[in-house]
Amino acid sequence: MEKSSLPKEPEAAPQGRIPSPLGWFEQRVDLGPIREFIRHKAVPVHKHSHWYYLGGMTLFLFIVQISTGILLLLYYQPSESNAFESVRYIMTQVRFGWLIRSIHGWCANLVMALAFSHMFSTFFLKSYRKPRELTWLSGMMLLGLMLGFGFSGYLLPWNTLSYFATMVGTNIAGAVPGLGPFLLRFLRGGDAVSGATLTRFFGFHVAILPAIAAPVLMLHLWLIQKQGMSVPVSVEEQQRRQGTTVSQIRFFPDFLLRELMGWYIALAVLAGLAALVPWELGVKADPFAPAPPGIQPEWYFLFMFQTLKYIPAKIFSMDGEVLGILAFGLGGLVWALVPFIDRGPATGNWSRRITRAGIILVIYILILTAVAYVTKASK
């Protein structure tokens, strides 16, 4: 007689004994598959495995960013007349409000720094190769959404720097061929940066972008768990020559404890910056005042901003700024499609050229960002 294929029901607690919370929950939800997954999940260990921790640290700081943003939301008022005053109230009247806002401001910058580091480490380790193309694409979408969070949240304090930086940023969006006028009015809610722009950016920052980011983040994490950590091609080649296999450690508790140490380091850096270098509020925006000299966007947009400054006004009777924006758009598309471009042998000439192109891109970003800061300091 065949045995039943139905899952065995968890045993009930003995009569008169109160079940533990976990036991009570497991009587109603089968946790067996989750336990089995955790028991068998392993992470490769090699000379490049320390790069694995960047993704978890980025996720941790993103959660901190969401948590502090919710706390700030309790007091923030998204209107032209009250935005600046509500932020000043948070910093001066709300207990530890200055610290929460400082954590939120510094955390936004650390998240972007870790996200870019995670992206480039994935690129140079070639972790985007088959079958992880969708993981790379979902990660690129998350990076784009983070840039959107940074751009939309920058205006919310409604100070002079954020006001004129937003004006510069929306003007660049308005130069996009064909869609420029539509994008400009869509972002600003009118022809100029005003209270309508502030309200619109607030909606982007707390509703629209989170609604898009949540499912993309869940997809990204699911793909990582489904496919596991990628082993670099160089490590696989070395193991193949030696006739050995890549060492592994258990995800729980070995890798998770190491991951937590990365979270502690990120938290320590964030706490130190927030406490020792509090995030400043500046001066309230005045739309009728002249723009202060040296207005620049946040550092993660600086290399693009500086590049556009070097492009001539006219190139073959075409607007130089328009050509620059088109070049950045095309470059971003090519970067997102790298898994489908680099499909040959990882040790081949084509793959090595792509790696060298990535190194040149990193150097270019670093140099242009440094030049932008030096130029601003010299003014």
Protein backbone atom coordinates (compact mmCIF):
# COMPACT_ATOMS: atom_id res chain seq x y z
CA MET A 1 0.00 0.00 0.00
CA GLU A 2 1.41 3.40 -1.07
CA LYS A 3 2.21 5.96 1.58
CA SER A 4 0.28 9.19 1.52
CA SER A 5 2.10 12.10 -0.17
CA LEU A 6 0.29 14.64 1.97
CA PRO A 7 2.56 16.67 4.29
CA LYS A 8 2.66 15.49 7.85
CA GLU A 9 0.89 17.84 10.22
CA PRO A 10 3.03 19.27 13.04
CA GLU A 11 2.48 17.52 16.32
CA ALA A 12 0.23 19.33 18.71
CA ALA A 13 1.49 20.35 22.13
CA PRO A 14 0.76 17.87 24.93
CA GLN A 15 -2.53 18.37 26.73
CA GLY A 16 -2.27 21.11 29.35
CA ARG A 17 1.03 22.53 28.06
CA ILE A 18 1.03 25.99 26.47
CA PRO A 19 2.87 25.83 23.11
CA SER A 20 5.76 28.19 22.44
CA PRO A 21 5.06 31.12 20.10
CA LEU A 22 7.08 29.41 17.36
CA GLY A 23 5.35 26.10 17.98
CA TRP A 24 1.94 27.77 17.91
CA PHE A 25 2.83 29.48 14.62
CA GLU A 26 4.23 26.30 13.07
CA GLN A 27 1.02 24.42 13.85
CA ARG A 28 -0.66 26.80 11.42
CA VAL A 29 2.15 27.54 8.92
CA ASP A 30 4.56 24.89 7.70
CA LEU A 31 8.08 26.26 8.27
CA GLY A 32 9.77 23.07 7.08
CA PRO A 33 10.76 24.37 3.60
CA ILE A 34 12.26 27.51 5.13
CA ARG A 35 14.26 25.47 7.66
CA GLU A 36 15.45 23.19 4.87
CA PHE A 37 16.52 26.16 2.74
CA ILE A 38 18.48 27.74 5.60
CA ARG A 39 20.07 24.41 6.51
CA HIS A 40 21.46 23.82 3.01
CA LYS A 41 22.19 27.36 1.85
CA ALA A 42 25.94 27.99 1.51
CA VAL A 43 28.15 30.86 0.39
CA PRO A 44 31.43 30.46 -1.55
CA VAL A 45 34.64 31.49 0.21
CA HIS A 46 37.57 32.77 -1.84
CA LYS A 47 39.96 35.75 -2.03
CA HIS A 48 37.22 38.03 -3.43
CA SER A 49 34.37 36.96 -1.13
CA HIS A 50 34.62 40.14 0.98
CA TRP A 51 32.81 41.96 -1.85
CA TYR A 52 29.70 39.92 -1.04
CA TYR A 53 29.05 42.06 2.02
CA LEU A 54 28.49 45.30 0.10
CA GLY A 55 24.99 44.30 -0.98
CA GLY A 56 23.87 43.50 2.56
CA MET A 57 25.37 46.73 3.90
CA THR A 58 23.53 48.71 1.22
CA LEU A 59 20.26 46.99 2.15
CA PHE A 60 20.83 47.67 5.85
CA LEU A 61 21.43 51.39 5.30
CA PHE A 62 18.43 51.55 2.97
CA ILE A 63 16.28 50.19 5.81
CA VAL A 64 17.77 52.82 8.15
CA GLN A 65 16.94 55.44 5.53
CA ILE A 66 13.32 54.30 5.37
CA SER A 67 13.01 54.22 9.17
CA THR A 68 14.39 57.73 9.70
CA GLY A 69 12.31 59.02 6.78
CA ILE A 70 9.14 57.74 8.46
CA LEU A 71 10.09 59.54 11.68
CA LEU A 72 10.73 62.79 9.79
CA LEU A 73 7.43 62.38 7.99
CA LEU A 74 5.58 62.76 11.30
CA TYR A 75 6.57 66.44 11.48
CA TYR A 76 7.38 67.47 7.92
CA GLN A 77 4.91 69.72 6.05
CA PRO A 78 5.33 69.64 2.24
CA SER A 79 4.37 73.19 1.31
CA GLU A 80 6.31 76.22 0.10
CA SER A 81 5.39 78.21 3.20
CA ASN A 82 5.96 75.49 5.83
CA ALA A 83 8.60 73.06 4.51
CA PHE A 84 11.67 74.96 5.71
CA GLU A 85 10.06 75.88 9.05
CA SER A 86 8.95 72.28 9.70
CA VAL A 87 12.50 71.00 9.12
CA ARG A 88 13.86 73.72 11.42
CA TYR A 89 11.27 72.71 14.03
CA ILE A 90 12.44 69.10 13.76
CA MET A 91 16.05 70.15 14.29
CA THR A 92 15.47 72.59 17.16
CA GLN A 93 12.31 71.51 19.01
CA VAL A 94 11.79 67.78 18.49
CA ARG A 95 13.83 65.66 20.89
CA PHE A 96 16.75 64.14 18.96
CA GLY A 97 15.20 65.53 15.79
CA TRP A 98 18.56 66.99 14.70
CA LEU A 99 20.13 63.55 15.04
CA ILE A 100 17.39 61.78 13.06
CA ARG A 101 17.66 64.30 10.24
CA SER A 102 21.44 64.10 10.29
CA ILE A 103 21.29 60.31 10.09
CA HIS A 104 18.83 60.58 7.21
CA GLY A 105 21.05 63.00 5.30
CA TRP A 106 24.31 61.11 5.79
CA CYS A 107 22.64 57.75 5.23
CA ALA A 108 21.44 58.88 1.80
CA ASN A 109 25.05 59.56 0.78
CA LEU A 110 26.40 56.32 2.27
CA VAL A 111 23.69 54.29 0.54
CA MET A 112 24.66 55.79 -2.82
CA ALA A 113 28.37 55.20 -2.17
CA LEU A 114 27.77 51.55 -1.25
CA ALA A 115 25.34 51.04 -4.13
CA PHE A 116 27.92 52.28 -6.67
CA SER A 117 30.63 50.17 -5.01
CA HIS A 118 28.37 47.12 -5.11
CA MET A 119 27.57 47.71 -8.78
CA PHE A 120 31.22 48.07 -9.82
CA SER A 121 32.32 45.06 -7.76
CA THR A 122 29.61 43.00 -9.48
CA PHE A 123 30.83 44.27 -12.83
CA PHE A 124 34.53 43.52 -12.30
CA LEU A 125 33.83 40.09 -10.80
CA LYS A 126 31.59 39.44 -13.83
CA SER A 127 28.75 38.33 -11.59
CA TYR A 128 26.31 39.50 -14.27
CA ARG A 129 27.03 36.55 -16.55
CA LYS A 130 24.53 33.79 -17.31
CA PRO A 131 22.26 32.96 -15.51
CA ARG A 132 22.34 36.21 -13.49
CA GLU A 133 21.35 38.70 -16.19
CA LEU A 134 18.04 39.49 -14.47
CA THR A 135 19.82 40.03 -11.15
CA TRP A 136 22.02 42.65 -12.82
CA LEU A 137 19.05 44.34 -14.52
CA SER A 138 17.03 44.48 -11.29
CA GLY A 139 20.07 45.91 -9.51
CA MET A 140 20.42 48.59 -12.18
CA MET A 141 16.77 49.46 -11.73
CA LEU A 142 17.32 49.79 -7.98
CA LEU A 143 20.30 52.08 -8.56
CA GLY A 144 18.20 54.27 -10.84
CA LEU A 145 15.45 54.41 -8.22
CA MET A 146 18.00 55.38 -5.55
CA LEU A 147 19.16 58.24 -7.76
CA GLY A 148 15.52 59.25 -8.03
CA PHE A 149 15.18 59.15 -4.24
CA GLY A 150 18.25 61.36 -3.92
CA PHE A 151 17.09 63.87 -6.52
CA SER A 152 13.52 64.14 -5.20
CA GLY A 153 14.51 64.28 -1.53
CA TYR A 154 17.13 66.98 -2.08
CA LEU A 155 14.46 69.68 -2.60
CA LEU A 156 12.32 68.85 0.44
CA PRO A 157 14.13 71.07 3.01
CA TRP A 158 13.38 74.00 0.65
CA ASN A 159 16.68 75.78 1.27
CA THR A 160 18.66 77.91 -1.16
CA LEU A 161 21.09 75.18 -2.21
CA SER A 162 18.40 72.57 -2.86
CA TYR A 163 16.16 75.05 -4.70
CA PHE A 164 18.74 76.18 -7.24
CA ALA A 165 20.27 72.71 -7.58
CA THR A 166 16.81 71.40 -8.45
CA MET A 167 16.43 74.19 -10.98
CA VAL A 168 19.70 73.13 -12.62
CA GLY A 169 18.73 69.45 -12.57
CA THR A 170 15.28 70.01 -14.07
CA ASN A 171 16.78 72.28 -16.74
CA ILE A 172 19.04 69.41 -17.76
CA ALA A 173 16.02 67.10 -17.96
CA GLY A 174 14.28 69.74 -20.04
CA ALA A 175 17.09 69.56 -22.61
CA VAL A 176 16.28 65.92 -23.48
CA PRO A 177 15.44 65.85 -27.20
CA GLY A 178 11.77 65.48 -27.94
CA LEU A 179 10.64 64.75 -24.38
CA GLY A 180 12.39 67.75 -22.79
CA PRO A 181 9.44 70.19 -22.52
CA PHE A 182 7.17 67.43 -21.22
CA LEU A 183 9.73 66.24 -18.65
CA LEU A 184 10.34 69.79 -17.47
CA ARG A 185 6.66 70.48 -16.79
CA PHE A 186 6.14 66.99 -15.38
CA LEU A 187 8.93 67.38 -12.84
CA ARG A 188 8.22 70.98 -11.90
CA GLY A 189 4.44 70.90 -12.06
CA GLY A 190 4.67 74.12 -14.07
CA ASP A 191 7.16 76.33 -15.82
CA ALA A 192 9.28 77.18 -12.76
CA VAL A 193 10.46 75.51 -9.55
CA SER A 194 7.73 76.41 -7.07
CA GLY A 195 5.54 75.03 -4.31
CA ALA A 196 3.96 72.74 -6.91
CA THR A 197 7.40 71.26 -7.59
CA LEU A 198 7.93 70.71 -3.87
CA THR A 199 4.60 68.92 -3.48
CA ARG A 200 5.28 66.82 -6.57
CA PHE A 201 8.77 65.83 -5.42
CA PHE A 202 7.35 64.92 -2.01
CA GLY A 203 4.87 62.60 -3.72
CA PHE A 204 7.66 61.02 -5.75
CA HIS A 205 9.85 60.60 -2.66
CA VAL A 206 7.36 59.05 -0.22
CA ALA A 207 4.81 57.30 -2.46
CA ILE A 208 5.64 56.68 -6.11
CA LEU A 209 9.30 55.69 -5.84
CA PRO A 210 8.78 53.43 -2.77
CA ALA A 211 5.85 51.72 -4.52
CA ILE A 212 8.13 50.90 -7.46
CA ALA A 213 11.22 50.10 -5.39
CA ALA A 214 9.52 47.57 -3.09
CA PRO A 215 8.68 44.90 -5.72
CA VAL A 216 11.97 45.48 -7.57
CA LEU A 217 13.89 44.98 -4.32
CA MET A 218 11.92 41.81 -3.54
CA LEU A 219 12.69 40.49 -7.03
CA HIS A 220 16.38 41.31 -6.64
CA LEU A 221 16.63 39.55 -3.29
CA TRP A 222 14.66 36.53 -4.54
CA LEU A 223 16.96 36.16 -7.55
CA ILE A 224 20.04 36.30 -5.31
CA GLN A 225 18.62 33.61 -3.03
CA LYS A 226 17.51 31.50 -5.98
CA GLN A 227 20.80 31.62 -7.88
CA GLY A 228 23.25 31.95 -4.98
CA MET A 229 26.46 33.95 -4.92
CA SER A 230 28.50 34.06 -8.12
CA VAL A 231 32.05 32.71 -8.09
CA PRO A 232 34.51 34.91 -10.03
CA VAL A 233 35.79 33.46 -13.28
CA SER A 234 39.43 33.72 -12.17
CA VAL A 235 38.68 31.67 -9.06
CA GLU A 236 36.85 29.01 -11.10
CA GLU A 237 39.79 28.78 -13.52
CA GLN A 238 42.28 28.42 -10.68
CA GLN A 239 40.20 25.70 -9.01
CA ARG A 240 39.84 23.88 -12.33
CA ARG A 241 43.61 23.88 -12.87
CA GLN A 242 44.22 22.60 -9.34
CA GLY A 243 41.44 20.01 -9.60
CA THR A 244 39.69 21.32 -6.48
CA THR A 245 36.36 22.94 -5.70
CA VAL A 246 35.57 26.31 -4.16
CA SER A 247 35.22 26.20 -0.38
CA GLN A 248 31.85 27.11 1.11
CA ILE A 249 30.48 28.18 4.49
CA ARG A 250 26.95 27.90 5.79
CA PHE A 251 24.82 30.98 5.33
CA PHE A 252 23.38 30.58 8.83
CA PRO A 253 25.03 31.29 11.17
CA ASP A 254 28.56 31.65 9.67
CA PHE A 255 28.01 34.09 6.79
CA LEU A 256 25.18 35.91 8.55
CA LEU A 257 27.40 36.71 11.56
CA ARG A 258 30.06 38.13 9.24
CA GLU A 259 27.37 40.10 7.44
CA LEU A 260 26.26 41.56 10.75
CA MET A 261 29.80 42.77 11.37
CA GLY A 262 29.56 44.71 8.10
CA TRP A 263 26.29 46.22 9.30
CA TYR A 264 27.95 47.26 12.56
CA ILE A 265 30.75 48.97 10.66
CA ALA A 266 28.26 50.81 8.44
CA LEU A 267 26.24 51.83 11.49
CA ALA A 268 29.35 53.06 13.32
CA VAL A 269 30.42 55.22 10.37
CA LEU A 270 26.90 56.59 10.01
CA ALA A 271 26.55 57.35 13.72
CA GLY A 272 29.94 59.05 13.83
CA LEU A 273 29.15 61.28 10.86
CA ALA A 274 25.67 62.13 12.12
CA ALA A 275 26.88 63.05 15.62
CA LEU A 276 30.16 64.80 14.79
CA VAL A 277 29.17 66.50 11.51
CA PRO A 278 25.45 67.32 11.85
CA TRP A 279 23.53 67.87 8.63
CA GLU A 280 22.99 71.60 8.15
CA LEU A 281 19.73 73.28 7.13
CA GLY A 282 21.05 76.38 5.41
CA VAL A 283 18.97 79.41 4.40
CA LYS A 284 15.36 79.31 3.27
CA ALA A 285 14.92 79.37 -0.51
CA ASP A 286 13.95 82.68 -2.08
CA PRO A 287 12.81 82.25 -5.72
CA PHE A 288 13.41 85.96 -6.37
CA ALA A 289 17.00 85.98 -5.09
CA PRO A 290 19.92 85.46 -7.50
CA ALA A 291 21.47 82.02 -7.61
CA PRO A 292 24.54 81.76 -5.36
CA PRO A 293 27.84 81.01 -7.15
CA GLY A 294 29.04 77.45 -7.44
CA ILE A 295 25.64 75.71 -7.33
CA GLN A 296 26.16 72.00 -7.93
CA PRO A 297 24.07 68.82 -7.62
CA GLU A 298 24.85 66.06 -5.16
CA TRP A 299 28.19 64.29 -5.58
CA TYR A 300 26.75 61.26 -7.40
CA PHE A 301 25.58 63.55 -10.24
CA LEU A 302 28.73 65.68 -10.33
CA PHE A 303 30.66 63.81 -13.03
CA MET A 304 27.75 64.26 -15.45
CA PHE A 305 27.29 67.90 -14.44
CA GLN A 306 31.00 68.63 -14.91
CA THR A 307 31.06 66.86 -18.26
CA LEU A 308 28.20 68.98 -19.59
CA LYS A 309 30.15 72.11 -18.61
CA TYR A 310 33.06 71.05 -20.84
CA ILE A 311 30.93 70.33 -23.92
CA PRO A 312 30.89 73.24 -26.41
CA ALA A 313 27.60 75.11 -26.85
CA LYS A 314 27.39 74.01 -30.48
CA ILE A 315 28.75 70.87 -32.17
CA PHE A 316 28.06 70.69 -35.90
CA SER A 317 25.08 73.04 -35.56
CA MET A 318 23.63 70.87 -32.77
CA ASP A 319 23.19 71.86 -29.14
CA GLY A 320 26.16 70.52 -27.18
CA GLU A 321 24.15 69.95 -23.99
CA VAL A 322 21.62 67.88 -25.93
CA LEU A 323 24.40 65.72 -27.38
CA GLY A 324 25.87 65.26 -23.91
CA ILE A 325 22.55 64.12 -22.47
CA LEU A 326 22.05 61.72 -25.38
CA ALA A 327 25.55 60.32 -24.80
CA PHE A 328 24.84 59.73 -21.10
CA GLY A 329 21.53 58.07 -21.94
CA LEU A 330 23.16 55.79 -24.50
CA GLY A 331 26.01 55.01 -22.09
CA GLY A 332 23.56 54.07 -19.34
CA LEU A 333 21.69 51.77 -21.73
CA VAL A 334 24.90 50.04 -22.83
CA TRP A 335 25.95 49.63 -19.19
CA ALA A 336 22.61 48.02 -18.32
CA LEU A 337 22.93 45.62 -21.27
CA VAL A 338 26.47 44.49 -20.39
CA PRO A 339 25.31 40.90 -19.55
CA PHE A 340 24.03 40.56 -23.11
CA ILE A 341 27.12 42.18 -24.66
CA ASP A 342 29.74 40.21 -22.71
CA ARG A 343 28.57 36.72 -23.66
CA GLY A 344 31.83 35.25 -24.92
CA PRO A 345 34.47 33.41 -22.89
CA ALA A 346 35.34 35.33 -19.75
CA THR A 347 39.04 35.01 -20.56
CA GLY A 348 38.65 36.19 -24.16
CA ASN A 349 39.84 39.47 -25.67
CA TRP A 350 36.31 40.90 -25.93
CA SER A 351 35.62 40.32 -22.25
CA ARG A 352 38.96 41.87 -21.28
CA ARG A 353 38.15 44.96 -23.36
CA ILE A 354 34.87 45.34 -21.48
CA THR A 355 36.75 45.11 -18.18
CA ARG A 356 39.21 47.78 -19.32
CA ALA A 357 36.30 49.99 -20.37
CA GLY A 358 34.88 49.64 -16.84
CA ILE A 359 38.22 50.66 -15.32
CA ILE A 360 38.34 53.74 -17.57
CA LEU A 361 34.78 54.63 -16.53
CA VAL A 362 35.64 54.44 -12.82
CA ILE A 363 38.72 56.62 -13.31
CA TYR A 364 36.68 59.10 -15.37
CA ILE A 365 33.99 59.39 -12.68
CA LEU A 366 36.53 59.88 -9.90
CA ILE A 367 38.54 62.50 -11.79
CA LEU A 368 35.52 64.52 -12.94
CA THR A 369 34.00 64.44 -9.44
CA ALA A 370 37.28 65.62 -7.90
CA VAL A 371 37.63 68.38 -10.50
CA ALA A 372 34.11 69.60 -9.72
CA TYR A 373 34.91 69.87 -6.00
CA VAL A 374 38.27 71.57 -6.64
CA THR A 375 36.66 74.04 -9.05
CA LYS A 376 33.97 74.91 -6.52
CA ALA A 377 36.52 75.35 -3.72
CA SER A 378 38.65 77.70 -5.82
CA LYS A 379 35.75 80.08 -6.48
